[in-house]
Amino acid sequence: MQQKKGTSLRSDAQRNRERILEVAVAELTRCADAPLSLIAKKACVGQGTFYRNFPSREALVLEIYRHEMQQVADSATELLDSREPERALREWMDHLARFAMTKAGLADAIRQATTGPGTPAKPGDTPVTSAAEALLRANEEAGTIRPGVSAEDFLLAIAGLWQLDPHGDWQPLATRLLDLVMDGLRAGASGRGSRTRSRPEPDGFPAAGA
């Protein structure tokens, strides 16, 4: 009986933590300055439970950052398992664009939590870098992109996404930017594999030229 009780307590604690994170993502995406008390209230946990899980605002925001980056990285594996390499890469680029625009408020919260004296450094985006590397190497092997492009090269090339206004008509601009990046990656490709030049039409993005 003691073991079952302990297991139940651990399950309750895990559910509390997951609920806090779920509410925090929604609230901080809407407003970077969302009060922690509001997050705790909407997550239906007491202040004590909240602070046992996340002793500071910075701890909460950085845990969200790690979780969201892992989600973005995991989507690359899913795409490589279900798409040809070139299409997987292009759809993942659209996924990054949606993340950058729909999580703009969260990005502001992360900047606030990781700037200024005494604040922890933002964790590196290793999962995303590794995901980009896997996609690039799969495409290089298929002959659909030029050889030698590193994940760092790729992330610098798409950095313009973070300059777009998330409250404006960002989708056509993101599509054009990413199409240009994709064209640059294709230049000098060996062409060993089958190459689908037409860009797929993921949810929420109009097809190029539409």
C-alpha atoms as a PDB file:
ATOM      1  CA  MET A   1       0.000   0.000   0.000  1.00  0.00           C
ATOM      2  CA  GLN A   2       2.843   2.395   0.816  1.00  0.00           C
ATOM      3  CA  GLN A   3       4.310   1.880  -2.636  1.00  0.00           C
ATOM      4  CA  LYS A   4       1.001   2.618  -4.333  1.00  0.00           C
ATOM      5  CA  LYS A   5       0.548   5.741  -2.245  1.00  0.00           C
ATOM      6  CA  GLY A   6       4.047   6.948  -3.142  1.00  0.00           C
ATOM      7  CA  THR A   7       3.443   6.225  -6.796  1.00  0.00           C
ATOM      8  CA  SER A   8       0.190   8.167  -6.671  1.00  0.00           C
ATOM      9  CA  LEU A   9       1.909  11.136  -5.070  1.00  0.00           C
ATOM     10  CA  ARG A  10       4.606  11.130  -7.737  1.00  0.00           C
ATOM     11  CA  SER A  11       1.943  10.963 -10.467  1.00  0.00           C
ATOM     12  CA  ASP A  12       0.063  13.882  -8.931  1.00  0.00           C
ATOM     13  CA  ALA A  13       3.276  15.910  -8.734  1.00  0.00           C
ATOM     14  CA  GLN A  14       4.063  15.168 -12.378  1.00  0.00           C
ATOM     15  CA  ARG A  15       0.558  16.155 -13.460  1.00  0.00           C
ATOM     16  CA  ASN A  16       0.858  19.397 -11.505  1.00  0.00           C
ATOM     17  CA  ARG A  17       4.153  20.189 -13.195  1.00  0.00           C
ATOM     18  CA  GLU A  18       2.815  19.425 -16.667  1.00  0.00           C
ATOM     19  CA  ARG A  19      -0.297  21.512 -16.028  1.00  0.00           C
ATOM     20  CA  ILE A  20       1.798  24.469 -14.863  1.00  0.00           C
ATOM     21  CA  LEU A  21       3.943  24.260 -17.996  1.00  0.00           C
ATOM     22  CA  GLU A  22       0.924  23.987 -20.290  1.00  0.00           C
ATOM     23  CA  VAL A  23      -0.746  27.038 -18.769  1.00  0.00           C
ATOM     24  CA  ALA A  24       2.528  28.974 -18.649  1.00  0.00           C
ATOM     25  CA  VAL A  25       3.186  28.451 -22.373  1.00  0.00           C
ATOM     26  CA  ALA A  26      -0.282  29.792 -23.218  1.00  0.00           C
ATOM     27  CA  GLU A  27      -0.117  32.755 -20.835  1.00  0.00           C
ATOM     28  CA  LEU A  28       3.466  33.815 -21.593  1.00  0.00           C
ATOM     29  CA  THR A  29       2.816  33.535 -25.327  1.00  0.00           C
ATOM     30  CA  ARG A  30      -0.074  35.973 -24.893  1.00  0.00           C
ATOM     31  CA  CYS A  31       1.835  38.266 -22.536  1.00  0.00           C
ATOM     32  CA  ALA A  32       5.514  38.063 -21.613  1.00  0.00           C
ATOM     33  CA  ASP A  33       4.728  39.745 -18.276  1.00  0.00           C
ATOM     34  CA  ALA A  34       1.947  37.353 -17.239  1.00  0.00           C
ATOM     35  CA  PRO A  35       1.966  37.159 -13.409  1.00  0.00           C
ATOM     36  CA  LEU A  36       3.085  33.885 -11.883  1.00  0.00           C
ATOM     37  CA  SER A  37       0.101  34.059  -9.555  1.00  0.00           C
ATOM     38  CA  LEU A  38      -2.212  34.018 -12.576  1.00  0.00           C
ATOM     39  CA  ILE A  39      -0.408  31.007 -14.034  1.00  0.00           C
ATOM     40  CA  ALA A  40      -0.697  29.138 -10.727  1.00  0.00           C
ATOM     41  CA  LYS A  41      -4.393  29.990 -10.455  1.00  0.00           C
ATOM     42  CA  LYS A  42      -5.206  28.847 -14.000  1.00  0.00           C
ATOM     43  CA  ALA A  43      -3.170  25.678 -13.450  1.00  0.00           C
ATOM     44  CA  CYS A  44      -5.268  25.035 -10.301  1.00  0.00           C
ATOM     45  CA  VAL A  45      -2.252  24.695  -8.022  1.00  0.00           C
ATOM     46  CA  GLY A  46      -1.331  26.536  -4.866  1.00  0.00           C
ATOM     47  CA  GLN A  47       1.571  28.929  -4.570  1.00  0.00           C
ATOM     48  CA  GLY A  48       3.545  26.357  -2.562  1.00  0.00           C
ATOM     49  CA  THR A  49       3.145  23.713  -5.268  1.00  0.00           C
ATOM     50  CA  PHE A  50       4.064  26.217  -7.939  1.00  0.00           C
ATOM     51  CA  TYR A  51       7.277  27.338  -6.279  1.00  0.00           C
ATOM     52  CA  ARG A  52       8.317  23.781  -5.398  1.00  0.00           C
ATOM     53  CA  ASN A  53       8.345  23.076  -9.116  1.00  0.00           C
ATOM     54  CA  PHE A  54       9.636  26.441 -10.308  1.00  0.00           C
ATOM     55  CA  PRO A  55      11.355  28.495  -7.605  1.00  0.00           C
ATOM     56  CA  SER A  56      11.636  31.556  -9.854  1.00  0.00           C
ATOM     57  CA  ARG A  57      10.230  33.070 -13.020  1.00  0.00           C
ATOM     58  CA  GLU A  58      13.535  32.389 -14.751  1.00  0.00           C
ATOM     59  CA  ALA A  59      13.385  28.685 -13.852  1.00  0.00           C
ATOM     60  CA  LEU A  60       9.883  28.420 -15.323  1.00  0.00           C
ATOM     61  CA  VAL A  61      10.717  30.268 -18.536  1.00  0.00           C
ATOM     62  CA  LEU A  62      13.907  28.302 -19.171  1.00  0.00           C
ATOM     63  CA  GLU A  63      12.132  24.990 -18.634  1.00  0.00           C
ATOM     64  CA  ILE A  64       9.512  26.085 -21.167  1.00  0.00           C
ATOM     65  CA  TYR A  65      12.296  27.056 -23.565  1.00  0.00           C
ATOM     66  CA  ARG A  66      13.916  23.627 -23.280  1.00  0.00           C
ATOM     67  CA  HIS A  67      10.592  21.872 -23.762  1.00  0.00           C
ATOM     68  CA  GLU A  68       9.574  23.931 -26.792  1.00  0.00           C
ATOM     69  CA  MET A  69      12.958  23.528 -28.473  1.00  0.00           C
ATOM     70  CA  GLN A  70      12.773  19.766 -27.979  1.00  0.00           C
ATOM     71  CA  GLN A  71       9.326  19.724 -29.589  1.00  0.00           C
ATOM     72  CA  VAL A  72      10.678  21.557 -32.633  1.00  0.00           C
ATOM     73  CA  ALA A  73      13.612  19.161 -32.835  1.00  0.00           C
ATOM     74  CA  ASP A  74      11.435  16.061 -32.513  1.00  0.00           C
ATOM     75  CA  SER A  75       9.314  17.179 -35.457  1.00  0.00           C
ATOM     76  CA  ALA A  76      12.382  16.844 -37.718  1.00  0.00           C
ATOM     77  CA  THR A  77      12.669  13.149 -36.901  1.00  0.00           C
ATOM     78  CA  GLU A  78       8.981  12.636 -37.601  1.00  0.00           C
ATOM     79  CA  LEU A  79       9.272  14.376 -40.968  1.00  0.00           C
ATOM     80  CA  LEU A  80      12.340  12.383 -42.003  1.00  0.00           C
ATOM     81  CA  ASP A  81      10.461   9.188 -41.164  1.00  0.00           C
ATOM     82  CA  SER A  82       7.481  10.119 -43.337  1.00  0.00           C
ATOM     83  CA  ARG A  83       8.839  12.340 -46.146  1.00  0.00           C
ATOM     84  CA  GLU A  84      11.560  12.413 -48.742  1.00  0.00           C
ATOM     85  CA  PRO A  85      14.573  14.362 -47.373  1.00  0.00           C
ATOM     86  CA  GLU A  86      14.019  17.501 -49.460  1.00  0.00           C
ATOM     87  CA  ARG A  87      10.341  17.747 -48.557  1.00  0.00           C
ATOM     88  CA  ALA A  88      11.104  16.990 -44.894  1.00  0.00           C
ATOM     89  CA  LEU A  89      13.595  19.876 -44.788  1.00  0.00           C
ATOM     90  CA  ARG A  90      11.229  22.341 -46.443  1.00  0.00           C
ATOM     91  CA  GLU A  91       8.298  21.436 -44.193  1.00  0.00           C
ATOM     92  CA  TRP A  92      10.518  21.706 -41.124  1.00  0.00           C
ATOM     93  CA  MET A  93      11.502  25.198 -42.216  1.00  0.00           C
ATOM     94  CA  ASP A  94       7.807  26.118 -42.301  1.00  0.00           C
ATOM     95  CA  HIS A  95       7.440  24.560 -38.859  1.00  0.00           C
ATOM     96  CA  LEU A  96      10.216  26.814 -37.574  1.00  0.00           C
ATOM     97  CA  ALA A  97       8.481  29.828 -39.109  1.00  0.00           C
ATOM     98  CA  ARG A  98       5.192  29.016 -37.373  1.00  0.00           C
ATOM     99  CA  PHE A  99       7.029  28.501 -34.101  1.00  0.00           C
ATOM    100  CA  ALA A 100       8.889  31.798 -34.416  1.00  0.00           C
ATOM    101  CA  MET A 101       5.717  33.761 -35.145  1.00  0.00           C
ATOM    102  CA  THR A 102       3.176  32.086 -32.857  1.00  0.00           C
ATOM    103  CA  LYS A 103       5.586  32.023 -29.900  1.00  0.00           C
ATOM    104  CA  ALA A 104       6.666  35.648 -30.209  1.00  0.00           C
ATOM    105  CA  GLY A 105       5.397  36.490 -26.720  1.00  0.00           C
ATOM    106  CA  LEU A 106       7.243  33.530 -25.296  1.00  0.00           C
ATOM    107  CA  ALA A 107      10.419  34.730 -26.994  1.00  0.00           C
ATOM    108  CA  ASP A 108      10.010  38.072 -25.221  1.00  0.00           C
ATOM    109  CA  ALA A 109       9.630  36.255 -21.900  1.00  0.00           C
ATOM    110  CA  ILE A 110      12.798  34.266 -22.599  1.00  0.00           C
ATOM    111  CA  ARG A 111      14.742  37.451 -23.408  1.00  0.00           C
ATOM    112  CA  GLN A 112      13.532  39.045 -20.181  1.00  0.00           C
ATOM    113  CA  ALA A 113      14.505  35.972 -18.179  1.00  0.00           C
ATOM    114  CA  THR A 114      17.992  35.695 -19.653  1.00  0.00           C
ATOM    115  CA  THR A 115      19.192  39.291 -19.723  1.00  0.00           C
ATOM    116  CA  GLY A 116      20.478  41.552 -17.004  1.00  0.00           C
ATOM    117  CA  PRO A 117      22.905  40.974 -14.130  1.00  0.00           C
ATOM    118  CA  GLY A 118      22.557  37.783 -12.145  1.00  0.00           C
ATOM    119  CA  THR A 119      20.219  36.038 -14.586  1.00  0.00           C
ATOM    120  CA  PRO A 120      20.978  32.569 -15.927  1.00  0.00           C
ATOM    121  CA  ALA A 121      22.219  32.149 -19.453  1.00  0.00           C
ATOM    122  CA  LYS A 122      19.768  30.913 -22.053  1.00  0.00           C
ATOM    123  CA  PRO A 123      20.458  27.234 -22.759  1.00  0.00           C
ATOM    124  CA  GLY A 124      21.927  26.435 -26.129  1.00  0.00           C
ATOM    125  CA  ASP A 125      19.616  25.308 -28.905  1.00  0.00           C
ATOM    126  CA  THR A 126      21.455  21.973 -29.245  1.00  0.00           C
ATOM    127  CA  PRO A 127      18.309  19.891 -30.052  1.00  0.00           C
ATOM    128  CA  VAL A 128      17.363  22.255 -32.883  1.00  0.00           C
ATOM    129  CA  THR A 129      20.937  22.384 -34.160  1.00  0.00           C
ATOM    130  CA  SER A 130      21.118  18.591 -34.111  1.00  0.00           C
ATOM    131  CA  ALA A 131      17.770  18.336 -35.926  1.00  0.00           C
ATOM    132  CA  ALA A 132      18.933  20.740 -38.625  1.00  0.00           C
ATOM    133  CA  GLU A 133      22.149  18.759 -38.983  1.00  0.00           C
ATOM    134  CA  ALA A 134      20.212  15.492 -39.460  1.00  0.00           C
ATOM    135  CA  LEU A 135      17.992  17.044 -42.128  1.00  0.00           C
ATOM    136  CA  LEU A 136      20.931  18.587 -43.970  1.00  0.00           C
ATOM    137  CA  ARG A 137      22.944  15.375 -43.962  1.00  0.00           C
ATOM    138  CA  ALA A 138      19.958  13.364 -45.224  1.00  0.00           C
ATOM    139  CA  ASN A 139      19.551  15.832 -48.088  1.00  0.00           C
ATOM    140  CA  GLU A 140      23.249  15.896 -48.858  1.00  0.00           C
ATOM    141  CA  GLU A 141      23.240  12.098 -49.077  1.00  0.00           C
ATOM    142  CA  ALA A 142      20.195  12.238 -51.378  1.00  0.00           C
ATOM    143  CA  GLY A 143      21.935  14.803 -53.573  1.00  0.00           C
ATOM    144  CA  THR A 144      19.206  17.396 -53.098  1.00  0.00           C
ATOM    145  CA  ILE A 145      21.321  20.154 -51.519  1.00  0.00           C
ATOM    146  CA  ARG A 146      24.880  21.379 -51.993  1.00  0.00           C
ATOM    147  CA  PRO A 147      27.489  19.545 -49.903  1.00  0.00           C
ATOM    148  CA  GLY A 148      29.151  21.019 -46.841  1.00  0.00           C
ATOM    149  CA  VAL A 149      26.306  23.166 -45.449  1.00  0.00           C
ATOM    150  CA  SER A 150      26.462  23.091 -41.646  1.00  0.00           C
ATOM    151  CA  ALA A 151      23.605  23.504 -39.204  1.00  0.00           C
ATOM    152  CA  GLU A 152      25.135  26.818 -38.149  1.00  0.00           C
ATOM    153  CA  ASP A 153      25.148  27.996 -41.788  1.00  0.00           C
ATOM    154  CA  PHE A 154      21.514  27.009 -42.138  1.00  0.00           C
ATOM    155  CA  LEU A 155      20.339  28.694 -38.928  1.00  0.00           C
ATOM    156  CA  LEU A 156      22.133  31.912 -39.905  1.00  0.00           C
ATOM    157  CA  ALA A 157      20.473  31.788 -43.324  1.00  0.00           C
ATOM    158  CA  ILE A 158      16.961  31.588 -41.846  1.00  0.00           C
ATOM    159  CA  ALA A 159      17.616  34.095 -39.061  1.00  0.00           C
ATOM    160  CA  GLY A 160      15.524  36.641 -40.956  1.00  0.00           C
ATOM    161  CA  LEU A 161      12.427  34.839 -39.667  1.00  0.00           C
ATOM    162  CA  TRP A 162      12.941  36.488 -36.304  1.00  0.00           C
ATOM    163  CA  GLN A 163      12.853  39.927 -37.935  1.00  0.00           C
ATOM    164  CA  LEU A 164       9.281  39.477 -39.196  1.00  0.00           C
ATOM    165  CA  ASP A 165       6.343  41.104 -37.436  1.00  0.00           C
ATOM    166  CA  PRO A 166       4.260  38.308 -35.857  1.00  0.00           C
ATOM    167  CA  HIS A 167       1.260  40.639 -35.792  1.00  0.00           C
ATOM    168  CA  GLY A 168       1.482  41.467 -39.495  1.00  0.00           C
ATOM    169  CA  ASP A 169       1.045  39.481 -42.694  1.00  0.00           C
ATOM    170  CA  TRP A 170       4.129  37.395 -42.015  1.00  0.00           C
ATOM    171  CA  GLN A 171       3.230  34.201 -43.887  1.00  0.00           C
ATOM    172  CA  PRO A 172       3.966  35.373 -47.479  1.00  0.00           C
ATOM    173  CA  LEU A 173       7.210  36.975 -46.310  1.00  0.00           C
ATOM    174  CA  ALA A 174       8.291  33.818 -44.481  1.00  0.00           C
ATOM    175  CA  THR A 175       7.409  31.689 -47.502  1.00  0.00           C
ATOM    176  CA  ARG A 176       9.484  33.897 -49.816  1.00  0.00           C
ATOM    177  CA  LEU A 177      12.449  33.934 -47.443  1.00  0.00           C
ATOM    178  CA  LEU A 178      12.449  30.181 -46.956  1.00  0.00           C
ATOM    179  CA  ASP A 179      12.002  29.516 -50.679  1.00  0.00           C
ATOM    180  CA  LEU A 180      15.075  31.671 -51.335  1.00  0.00           C
ATOM    181  CA  VAL A 181      17.045  29.772 -48.692  1.00  0.00           C
ATOM    182  CA  MET A 182      15.935  26.456 -50.178  1.00  0.00           C
ATOM    183  CA  ASP A 183      16.985  27.588 -53.669  1.00  0.00           C
ATOM    184  CA  GLY A 184      20.390  28.507 -52.266  1.00  0.00           C
ATOM    185  CA  LEU A 185      20.742  25.089 -50.646  1.00  0.00           C
ATOM    186  CA  ARG A 186      19.867  23.380 -53.929  1.00  0.00           C
ATOM    187  CA  ALA A 187      22.519  25.304 -55.920  1.00  0.00           C
ATOM    188  CA  GLY A 188      25.419  22.982 -56.579  1.00  0.00           C
ATOM    189  CA  ALA A 189      23.599  19.823 -55.477  1.00  0.00           C
ATOM    190  CA  SER A 190      24.795  16.602 -57.047  1.00  0.00           C
ATOM    191  CA  GLY A 191      21.257  15.644 -58.049  1.00  0.00           C
ATOM    192  CA  ARG A 192      21.733  11.941 -57.261  1.00  0.00           C
ATOM    193  CA  GLY A 193      18.344  11.610 -55.628  1.00  0.00           C
ATOM    194  CA  SER A 194      14.878  12.451 -56.907  1.00  0.00           C
ATOM    195  CA  ARG A 195      14.292  16.148 -56.401  1.00  0.00           C
ATOM    196  CA  THR A 196      10.843  17.538 -55.867  1.00  0.00           C
ATOM    197  CA  ARG A 197      11.134  21.177 -56.870  1.00  0.00           C
ATOM    198  CA  SER A 198       7.579  22.114 -55.947  1.00  0.00           C
ATOM    199  CA  ARG A 199       7.252  23.231 -52.368  1.00  0.00           C
ATOM    200  CA  PRO A 200       4.689  21.304 -50.296  1.00  0.00           C
ATOM    201  CA  GLU A 201       1.751  23.234 -48.935  1.00  0.00           C
ATOM    202  CA  PRO A 202       1.765  22.724 -45.152  1.00  0.00           C
ATOM    203  CA  ASP A 203      -1.154  23.787 -43.013  1.00  0.00           C
ATOM    204  CA  GLY A 204      -1.443  27.535 -42.641  1.00  0.00           C
ATOM    205  CA  PHE A 205       0.834  28.432 -45.571  1.00  0.00           C
ATOM    206  CA  PRO A 206      -0.330  29.360 -49.055  1.00  0.00           C
ATOM    207  CA  ALA A 207       1.461  27.669 -51.924  1.00  0.00           C
ATOM    208  CA  ALA A 208       4.110  29.838 -53.580  1.00  0.00           C
ATOM    209  CA  GLY A 209       2.598  31.973 -56.297  1.00  0.00           C
ATOM    210  CA  ALA A 210      -0.956  31.407 -55.051  1.00  0.00           C
END
